[in-house]
Amino acid sequence: MPAATPGTPSLLRAMNDRAALELLLTHGPLSRTRIGRLTGLSKPTASQLLARLEEAGLVVATGTDGGRPGPSAQLYTLNARAAHVGGLDVTPERIVAAVADLTGAVVGTFELPYSEGAGAVDQVTEALGEAVKAAGLQRCDLHRLVIATPGAFDPQTGRLRYASHLPGWHSPTLLDELAAALPMPVEYENDVNLAAVAEQRLGAARGHEDFVLLWNEEGLGAALVLGGRLHRGWTGGAGEVGFLPVPGHPLVRQVARANTGGYQELAGVQVLPRLAAELGIEVPTGPEVSVGVALLERAAAEPEGPHLGFLRSYATVLATGLASLVSVLDPEIVVLSGALIGAGGAPLHALLETELAELAPSRPRLVAGEVRERPVLRGALESALAATRDEVFDTSRRPLQQPLN
């Protein structure tokens, strides 16, 4: 076995720089002494490190630590303006764009109603441009953009699959057109996968290597994280569980044309009014998701009588498809996410856990999603930030004499 190559001084400096930047990202403002203690570096080395990073525009001085006895220590923090990223959440109803700084703070947003008459490229550039403007930036200031869509772009063909309900996004040249129109690297990801990224980095799945996220809003979907990585499948369709054939509903054939399948027909948002009406529960009017949320919130607030029966019926149909997933994957946890499952609260959660225990041999722990505000968009930003921080925090890639801001 060959001997390990010793680290060069420049490599060791870059590793120390990265460690210090990660600490500032995690802990916020730190003094030179505190950084030295956390990294194991001497005071002189920590001072040299901070001088390098300040010169490079990666850290800034931010007041002093006046809360301790003795002379006040200068505090340093990550320069939030050293890089910015963008995220887009695209649905058949609207496109929501957001811009975040290097710390992850959202500094600009914009929501554009989706228009079938307008081209996809025009709508993306408009929504992103307005969010960038709200952040006081220009599009060329973004280091990376991640776009979330229903379905997934097939890596073999570049075409969007599993999302026939998103008009205007199925051109074989769409990705090339977007690349030509946008001045930053662009990545594309399934919307439910990005909700899982948000939970993995910020929410209920932190510290878990194997988990399933079950999503239920306009459609049923899942994200599969195995060994800490998203499992996307050969065509990007892993987790499209709405198409899953399940007991309790007739087979749906030609599912790609129908854009639905057995699990969606058994447990999707559209079944909630029928389940409620069968038990004599008054069904409000309005958009499907709003109606479903209202029914589940009302039942969760008073989980007795017909409302308890409604929750139990819905838990049974949800558990029917989820049992197939956990029987194959045997995950450590299942994260329950999306407006409908959230509306059912603890009563639905408990009933679903009971039903799943009877239908599946494995017993994953069910946990409620913790990223409640726009989890798909948050996941898009977190995905863009992860790659951008890898680039920006690697001080070996560029001369430190050229500040980033």
Protein backbone atom coordinates (compact mmCIF):
# COMPACT_ATOMS: atom_id res chain seq x y z
CA MET A 1 0.00 0.00 0.00
CA PRO A 2 1.57 3.35 -1.00
CA ALA A 3 2.34 5.86 1.71
CA ALA A 4 -0.11 8.72 2.11
CA THR A 5 0.94 11.94 0.42
CA PRO A 6 1.72 14.53 3.09
CA GLY A 7 -0.40 17.67 3.01
CA THR A 8 1.24 20.67 1.38
CA PRO A 9 1.17 23.99 3.27
CA SER A 10 -1.32 25.42 0.77
CA LEU A 11 -3.60 22.40 1.15
CA LEU A 12 -3.47 22.58 4.93
CA ARG A 13 -4.25 26.31 4.80
CA ALA A 14 -7.25 25.63 2.57
CA MET A 15 -8.49 22.92 4.94
CA ASN A 16 -8.17 25.25 7.93
CA ASP A 17 -9.92 28.03 6.00
CA ARG A 18 -12.80 25.70 5.18
CA ALA A 19 -13.08 24.54 8.79
CA ALA A 20 -13.20 28.12 10.07
CA LEU A 21 -15.83 29.16 7.51
CA GLU A 22 -18.01 26.19 8.42
CA LEU A 23 -17.74 27.15 12.10
CA LEU A 24 -18.79 30.73 11.35
CA LEU A 25 -21.71 29.43 9.30
CA THR A 26 -22.83 27.14 12.13
CA HIS A 27 -22.14 29.29 15.19
CA GLY A 28 -22.36 32.85 13.92
CA PRO A 29 -19.89 35.55 15.03
CA LEU A 30 -16.77 34.17 16.73
CA SER A 31 -13.61 35.69 18.16
CA ARG A 32 -10.11 34.79 17.05
CA THR A 33 -9.58 32.93 20.32
CA ARG A 34 -12.81 30.95 19.94
CA ILE A 35 -11.98 29.98 16.35
CA GLY A 36 -8.54 28.87 17.46
CA ARG A 37 -10.01 26.76 20.24
CA LEU A 38 -12.61 25.13 17.99
CA THR A 39 -10.15 24.38 15.19
CA GLY A 40 -7.18 23.51 17.39
CA LEU A 41 -5.08 26.24 15.80
CA SER A 42 -2.68 28.48 17.70
CA LYS A 43 -3.58 32.14 18.18
CA PRO A 44 -1.02 33.34 15.61
CA THR A 45 -2.24 30.80 13.05
CA ALA A 46 -5.88 31.72 13.70
CA SER A 47 -4.97 35.40 13.27
CA GLN A 48 -3.26 34.69 9.94
CA LEU A 49 -6.27 32.63 8.82
CA LEU A 50 -8.74 35.42 9.63
CA ALA A 51 -6.55 37.98 7.89
CA ARG A 52 -6.53 35.82 4.74
CA LEU A 53 -10.28 35.31 4.80
CA GLU A 54 -10.98 38.97 5.49
CA GLU A 55 -8.74 40.01 2.60
CA ALA A 56 -10.56 37.54 0.36
CA GLY A 57 -13.93 39.04 1.30
CA LEU A 58 -15.16 35.83 2.97
CA VAL A 59 -15.33 37.15 6.55
CA VAL A 60 -15.97 40.58 8.01
CA ALA A 61 -15.34 42.10 11.41
CA THR A 62 -18.59 42.64 13.27
CA GLY A 63 -18.20 44.46 16.55
CA THR A 64 -16.71 43.10 19.75
CA ASP A 65 -17.58 40.60 22.42
CA GLY A 66 -18.32 42.96 25.27
CA GLY A 67 -20.05 40.41 27.45
CA ARG A 68 -16.87 38.91 28.90
CA PRO A 69 -14.47 40.28 31.52
CA GLY A 70 -11.24 41.83 30.32
CA PRO A 71 -10.54 43.54 26.98
CA SER A 72 -13.28 43.11 24.39
CA ALA A 73 -12.44 40.61 21.65
CA GLN A 74 -13.01 41.42 17.99
CA LEU A 75 -15.72 39.20 16.48
CA TYR A 76 -15.73 37.91 12.93
CA THR A 77 -18.64 36.62 10.89
CA LEU A 78 -19.20 35.06 7.50
CA ASN A 79 -19.65 37.68 4.79
CA ALA A 80 -23.22 36.98 3.74
CA ARG A 81 -22.76 38.95 0.51
CA ALA A 82 -19.82 36.86 -0.68
CA ALA A 83 -22.23 34.81 -2.82
CA HIS A 84 -25.91 34.58 -3.67
CA VAL A 85 -28.05 31.75 -5.07
CA GLY A 86 -31.51 31.44 -6.54
CA GLY A 87 -34.30 28.91 -6.26
CA LEU A 88 -37.53 28.48 -8.25
CA ASP A 89 -40.59 26.41 -7.33
CA VAL A 90 -42.60 25.77 -10.48
CA THR A 91 -46.18 24.46 -10.34
CA PRO A 92 -49.16 24.62 -12.73
CA GLU A 93 -50.51 27.50 -10.59
CA ARG A 94 -47.48 29.73 -10.04
CA ILE A 95 -43.73 30.18 -10.13
CA VAL A 96 -42.15 31.35 -6.88
CA ALA A 97 -38.59 32.65 -7.05
CA ALA A 98 -36.27 33.43 -4.15
CA VAL A 99 -32.72 34.66 -3.67
CA ALA A 100 -30.60 33.75 -0.63
CA ASP A 101 -27.23 35.01 0.55
CA LEU A 102 -24.34 32.76 1.56
CA THR A 103 -25.72 32.28 5.09
CA GLY A 104 -29.04 31.02 3.69
CA ALA A 105 -31.03 34.14 4.56
CA VAL A 106 -33.68 34.92 1.94
CA VAL A 107 -33.12 38.45 0.64
CA GLY A 108 -35.61 38.63 -2.24
CA THR A 109 -38.74 36.81 -3.42
CA PHE A 110 -41.31 37.09 -6.18
CA GLU A 111 -44.43 35.08 -7.09
CA LEU A 112 -45.67 34.93 -10.68
CA PRO A 113 -49.03 33.35 -11.59
CA TYR A 114 -48.45 30.60 -14.12
CA SER A 115 -49.66 31.41 -17.63
CA GLU A 116 -50.10 28.70 -20.26
CA GLY A 117 -49.88 31.35 -22.95
CA ALA A 118 -46.43 32.57 -21.92
CA GLY A 119 -43.31 30.54 -22.65
CA ALA A 120 -41.55 28.67 -19.88
CA VAL A 121 -38.28 30.52 -20.47
CA ASP A 122 -39.96 33.93 -20.35
CA GLN A 123 -41.74 33.10 -17.10
CA VAL A 124 -38.59 31.76 -15.46
CA THR A 125 -36.53 34.81 -16.40
CA GLU A 126 -39.30 37.18 -15.31
CA ALA A 127 -39.83 35.56 -11.92
CA LEU A 128 -36.11 35.27 -11.24
CA GLY A 129 -35.43 38.79 -12.45
CA GLU A 130 -38.02 40.26 -10.09
CA ALA A 131 -36.67 38.28 -7.12
CA VAL A 132 -33.14 39.42 -7.93
CA LYS A 133 -34.37 43.00 -8.19
CA ALA A 134 -36.08 42.68 -4.80
CA ALA A 135 -32.72 41.55 -3.37
CA GLY A 136 -30.98 44.62 -4.81
CA LEU A 137 -28.88 42.48 -7.15
CA GLN A 138 -28.54 41.60 -10.81
CA ARG A 139 -28.98 38.13 -12.31
CA CYS A 140 -25.26 37.90 -13.00
CA ASP A 141 -24.66 38.15 -9.22
CA LEU A 142 -26.14 34.68 -8.67
CA HIS A 143 -23.65 31.84 -8.42
CA ARG A 144 -26.21 29.11 -9.10
CA LEU A 145 -29.92 28.50 -9.66
CA VAL A 146 -31.91 25.38 -8.76
CA ILE A 147 -35.33 24.93 -10.37
CA ALA A 148 -37.91 22.64 -8.76
CA THR A 149 -40.61 21.09 -10.93
CA PRO A 150 -43.13 18.29 -10.64
CA GLY A 151 -41.81 15.13 -12.29
CA ALA A 152 -38.18 15.08 -13.37
CA PHE A 153 -36.00 15.84 -16.36
CA ASP A 154 -34.90 12.52 -17.84
CA PRO A 155 -31.08 12.53 -17.78
CA GLN A 156 -31.03 10.43 -20.96
CA THR A 157 -33.24 12.70 -23.09
CA GLY A 158 -33.41 16.04 -21.25
CA ARG A 159 -37.21 16.00 -21.42
CA LEU A 160 -39.55 16.49 -18.47
CA ARG A 161 -41.32 13.26 -17.50
CA TYR A 162 -44.09 12.40 -15.01
CA ALA A 163 -45.58 15.91 -15.21
CA SER A 164 -47.95 16.18 -18.15
CA HIS A 165 -49.97 18.69 -16.07
CA LEU A 166 -47.20 21.31 -16.45
CA PRO A 167 -47.87 22.83 -19.89
CA GLY A 168 -45.05 24.43 -21.80
CA TRP A 169 -42.28 22.46 -20.09
CA HIS A 170 -42.01 19.44 -22.39
CA SER A 171 -39.99 20.81 -25.29
CA PRO A 172 -36.86 18.74 -26.04
CA THR A 173 -34.91 22.02 -26.36
CA LEU A 174 -36.16 23.62 -23.14
CA LEU A 175 -33.00 23.02 -21.10
CA ASP A 176 -30.83 24.46 -23.86
CA GLU A 177 -33.09 27.51 -24.10
CA LEU A 178 -32.94 28.10 -20.36
CA ALA A 179 -29.15 27.70 -20.36
CA ALA A 180 -28.89 30.33 -23.10
CA ALA A 181 -31.18 32.74 -21.25
CA LEU A 182 -29.62 32.48 -17.78
CA PRO A 183 -26.10 33.67 -16.93
CA MET A 184 -25.46 31.23 -14.06
CA PRO A 185 -25.21 27.42 -13.75
CA VAL A 186 -28.71 25.93 -13.56
CA GLU A 187 -29.74 22.63 -11.98
CA TYR A 188 -33.15 20.95 -12.07
CA GLU A 189 -34.68 18.73 -9.42
CA ASN A 190 -37.98 17.08 -8.58
CA ASP A 191 -40.02 19.17 -6.16
CA VAL A 192 -40.56 16.42 -3.56
CA ASN A 193 -36.86 15.54 -3.67
CA LEU A 194 -36.11 19.13 -2.73
CA ALA A 195 -38.57 19.01 0.16
CA ALA A 196 -36.49 16.06 1.38
CA VAL A 197 -33.29 18.10 0.97
CA ALA A 198 -34.82 20.82 3.16
CA GLU A 199 -35.75 18.28 5.85
CA GLN A 200 -32.32 16.63 5.64
CA ARG A 201 -30.41 19.88 6.07
CA LEU A 202 -32.76 21.88 8.30
CA GLY A 203 -35.58 19.72 9.60
CA ALA A 204 -36.79 16.36 10.81
CA ALA A 205 -34.29 14.23 8.84
CA ARG A 206 -31.08 15.83 10.13
CA GLY A 207 -28.63 13.10 11.07
CA HIS A 208 -30.52 10.35 9.20
CA GLU A 209 -28.93 8.50 6.28
CA ASP A 210 -31.94 6.42 5.16
CA PHE A 211 -35.39 7.93 5.05
CA VAL A 212 -38.50 8.33 2.95
CA LEU A 213 -40.41 11.58 2.69
CA LEU A 214 -44.10 11.15 1.87
CA TRP A 215 -45.61 14.29 0.34
CA ASN A 216 -49.31 14.98 -0.09
CA GLU A 217 -50.70 18.18 -1.58
CA GLU A 218 -51.96 18.50 -5.16
CA GLY A 219 -50.43 15.06 -5.76
CA LEU A 220 -48.94 12.19 -3.81
CA GLY A 221 -45.19 11.81 -4.09
CA ALA A 222 -42.20 10.49 -2.24
CA ALA A 223 -38.49 11.17 -1.98
CA LEU A 224 -36.03 8.38 -1.25
CA VAL A 225 -32.77 9.12 0.56
CA LEU A 226 -30.44 6.11 0.78
CA GLY A 227 -27.00 6.31 2.34
CA GLY A 228 -27.45 10.06 2.73
CA ARG A 229 -28.05 10.61 -1.00
CA LEU A 230 -31.18 11.16 -3.04
CA HIS A 231 -32.11 8.12 -5.09
CA ARG A 232 -33.50 9.43 -8.37
CA GLY A 233 -33.71 6.30 -10.51
CA TRP A 234 -32.62 5.72 -14.11
CA THR A 235 -35.09 8.22 -15.63
CA GLY A 236 -35.45 10.46 -12.58
CA GLY A 237 -38.76 8.85 -11.65
CA ALA A 238 -37.92 7.24 -8.31
CA GLY A 239 -40.55 8.30 -5.79
CA GLU A 240 -43.39 8.87 -8.28
CA VAL A 241 -45.60 6.81 -5.97
CA GLY A 242 -48.85 8.32 -7.21
CA PHE A 243 -48.56 5.84 -10.09
CA LEU A 244 -48.16 2.89 -7.69
CA PRO A 245 -50.77 0.12 -8.16
CA VAL A 246 -52.35 -0.54 -4.75
CA PRO A 247 -55.05 -2.76 -3.28
CA GLY A 248 -58.36 -1.03 -2.86
CA HIS A 249 -58.48 0.67 -6.24
CA PRO A 250 -58.85 -0.70 -9.77
CA LEU A 251 -55.72 -0.74 -11.90
CA VAL A 252 -55.09 2.50 -13.78
CA ARG A 253 -53.72 1.75 -17.23
CA GLN A 254 -51.77 4.08 -19.54
CA VAL A 255 -50.75 6.01 -16.44
CA ALA A 256 -48.42 8.37 -18.32
CA ARG A 257 -51.32 9.57 -20.46
CA ALA A 258 -53.71 9.72 -17.50
CA ASN A 259 -51.08 11.39 -15.27
CA THR A 260 -52.44 9.40 -12.32
CA GLY A 261 -52.27 5.95 -10.83
CA GLY A 262 -53.70 3.67 -8.18
CA TYR A 263 -52.23 5.31 -5.08
CA GLN A 264 -53.19 8.80 -6.25
CA GLU A 265 -56.74 7.64 -6.95
CA LEU A 266 -56.94 5.85 -3.60
CA ALA A 267 -55.40 8.45 -1.29
CA GLY A 268 -54.95 11.72 -3.21
CA VAL A 269 -56.56 15.01 -2.28
CA GLN A 270 -59.55 14.31 -4.52
CA VAL A 271 -60.83 11.48 -2.29
CA LEU A 272 -61.22 13.57 0.87
CA PRO A 273 -64.62 15.14 0.01
CA ARG A 274 -66.03 11.69 -0.76
CA LEU A 275 -64.70 10.17 2.47
CA ALA A 276 -66.21 13.05 4.44
CA ALA A 277 -69.57 12.98 2.64
CA GLU A 278 -69.93 9.24 3.25
CA LEU A 279 -69.79 9.95 7.00
CA GLY A 280 -72.23 12.85 6.85
CA ILE A 281 -69.58 15.55 7.28
CA GLU A 282 -70.33 18.84 5.54
CA VAL A 283 -67.90 19.51 2.72
CA PRO A 284 -66.92 23.14 2.04
CA THR A 285 -66.41 24.51 -1.45
CA GLY A 286 -63.21 25.77 -2.97
CA PRO A 287 -59.99 24.49 -4.54
CA GLU A 288 -59.21 20.82 -3.85
CA VAL A 289 -56.25 21.36 -1.55
CA SER A 290 -58.01 24.10 0.42
CA VAL A 291 -61.06 21.86 0.89
CA GLY A 292 -58.90 18.92 1.96
CA VAL A 293 -56.94 21.02 4.43
CA ALA A 294 -60.16 22.43 5.93
CA LEU A 295 -61.67 18.96 6.36
CA LEU A 296 -58.55 17.53 7.98
CA GLU A 297 -57.98 20.52 10.27
CA ARG A 298 -61.58 20.34 11.48
CA ALA A 299 -61.32 16.59 12.10
CA ALA A 300 -57.97 16.94 13.89
CA ALA A 301 -59.44 19.64 16.17
CA GLU A 302 -62.33 17.33 17.20
CA PRO A 303 -61.16 13.74 16.58
CA GLU A 304 -64.33 11.96 17.66
CA GLY A 305 -67.51 10.60 16.10
CA PRO A 306 -67.64 11.05 12.30
CA HIS A 307 -64.45 13.09 12.37
CA LEU A 308 -62.54 10.19 13.94
CA GLY A 309 -63.97 7.84 11.32
CA PHE A 310 -62.88 10.26 8.59
CA LEU A 311 -59.32 10.41 9.93
CA ARG A 312 -59.19 6.64 10.33
CA SER A 313 -60.40 6.06 6.75
CA TYR A 314 -57.81 8.45 5.39
CA ALA A 315 -55.05 6.91 7.49
CA THR A 316 -55.93 3.50 6.07
CA VAL A 317 -55.66 4.57 2.43
CA LEU A 318 -52.43 6.48 3.08
CA ALA A 319 -50.92 3.48 4.89
CA THR A 320 -51.87 1.16 2.01
CA GLY A 321 -49.36 2.73 -0.37
CA LEU A 322 -46.83 3.64 2.29
CA ALA A 323 -46.66 -0.02 3.37
CA SER A 324 -45.35 -0.98 -0.08
CA LEU A 325 -42.63 1.66 0.15
CA VAL A 326 -41.35 0.72 3.60
CA SER A 327 -41.56 -3.01 2.86
CA VAL A 328 -39.12 -2.56 -0.03
CA LEU A 329 -36.85 0.15 1.39
CA ASP A 330 -36.95 -0.47 5.17
CA PRO A 331 -36.06 3.16 6.00
CA GLU A 332 -35.05 4.42 9.42
CA ILE A 333 -37.73 7.12 9.44
CA VAL A 334 -40.61 8.35 7.29
CA VAL A 335 -41.02 12.13 7.14
CA LEU A 336 -44.65 13.16 6.65
CA SER A 337 -44.83 16.40 4.69
CA GLY A 338 -47.18 18.50 2.60
CA ALA A 339 -50.23 20.57 3.50
CA LEU A 340 -52.69 17.69 3.76
CA ILE A 341 -50.73 15.45 6.11
CA GLY A 342 -49.78 18.48 8.17
CA ALA A 343 -53.44 19.51 8.47
CA GLY A 344 -54.30 16.12 10.00
CA GLY A 345 -51.88 16.83 12.82
CA ALA A 346 -51.14 14.44 15.67
CA PRO A 347 -54.44 12.48 15.40
CA LEU A 348 -53.84 11.52 11.75
CA HIS A 349 -50.18 10.82 12.52
CA ALA A 350 -51.09 8.38 15.31
CA LEU A 351 -53.71 6.58 13.23
CA LEU A 352 -51.34 6.29 10.26
CA GLU A 353 -48.66 4.82 12.53
CA THR A 354 -51.10 2.24 13.84
CA GLU A 355 -52.29 1.27 10.37
CA LEU A 356 -48.76 1.02 8.98
CA ALA A 357 -47.70 -1.24 11.85
CA GLU A 358 -50.40 -3.71 10.78
CA LEU A 359 -49.64 -3.58 7.05
CA ALA A 360 -45.82 -3.54 6.87
CA PRO A 361 -43.24 -5.84 8.49
CA SER A 362 -40.75 -3.03 9.18
CA ARG A 363 -41.54 -0.35 11.75
CA PRO A 364 -39.98 2.95 10.68
CA ARG A 365 -40.56 5.88 12.96
CA LEU A 366 -43.01 8.39 11.47
CA VAL A 367 -42.03 12.02 12.04
CA ALA A 368 -43.74 15.23 11.03
CA GLY A 369 -41.88 17.49 8.62
CA GLU A 370 -40.41 20.53 10.35
CA VAL A 371 -39.85 22.81 7.35
CA ARG A 372 -43.32 24.27 7.05
CA GLU A 373 -42.80 27.45 5.01
CA ARG A 374 -42.34 26.64 1.31
CA PRO A 375 -40.28 23.45 1.86
CA VAL A 376 -39.75 22.86 -1.88
CA LEU A 377 -38.37 26.36 -2.42
CA ARG A 378 -36.27 26.08 0.73
CA GLY A 379 -34.85 22.81 -0.57
CA ALA A 380 -33.98 24.43 -3.90
CA LEU A 381 -32.05 27.16 -2.08
CA GLU A 382 -30.31 24.65 0.21
CA SER A 383 -29.27 22.56 -2.78
CA ALA A 384 -27.85 25.63 -4.53
CA LEU A 385 -26.12 26.75 -1.35
CA ALA A 386 -24.44 23.40 -0.75
CA ALA A 387 -22.71 23.46 -4.14
CA THR A 388 -21.92 27.17 -3.96
CA ARG A 389 -20.37 26.91 -0.49
CA ASP A 390 -18.20 24.04 -1.71
CA GLU A 391 -16.82 26.38 -4.37
CA VAL A 392 -16.58 29.58 -2.34
CA PHE A 393 -15.17 27.97 0.82
CA ASP A 394 -12.40 26.23 -1.16
CA THR A 395 -9.75 28.95 -0.99
CA SER A 396 -7.28 26.75 -2.89
CA ARG A 397 -9.24 27.38 -6.10
CA ARG A 398 -8.50 31.08 -6.47
CA PRO A 399 -6.02 33.77 -5.46
CA LEU A 400 -6.99 35.24 -2.10
CA GLN A 401 -5.98 38.70 -3.34
CA GLN A 402 -9.24 38.91 -5.33
CA PRO A 403 -12.15 39.63 -2.96
CA LEU A 404 -15.53 38.14 -3.82
CA ASN A 405 -17.53 41.28 -3.10
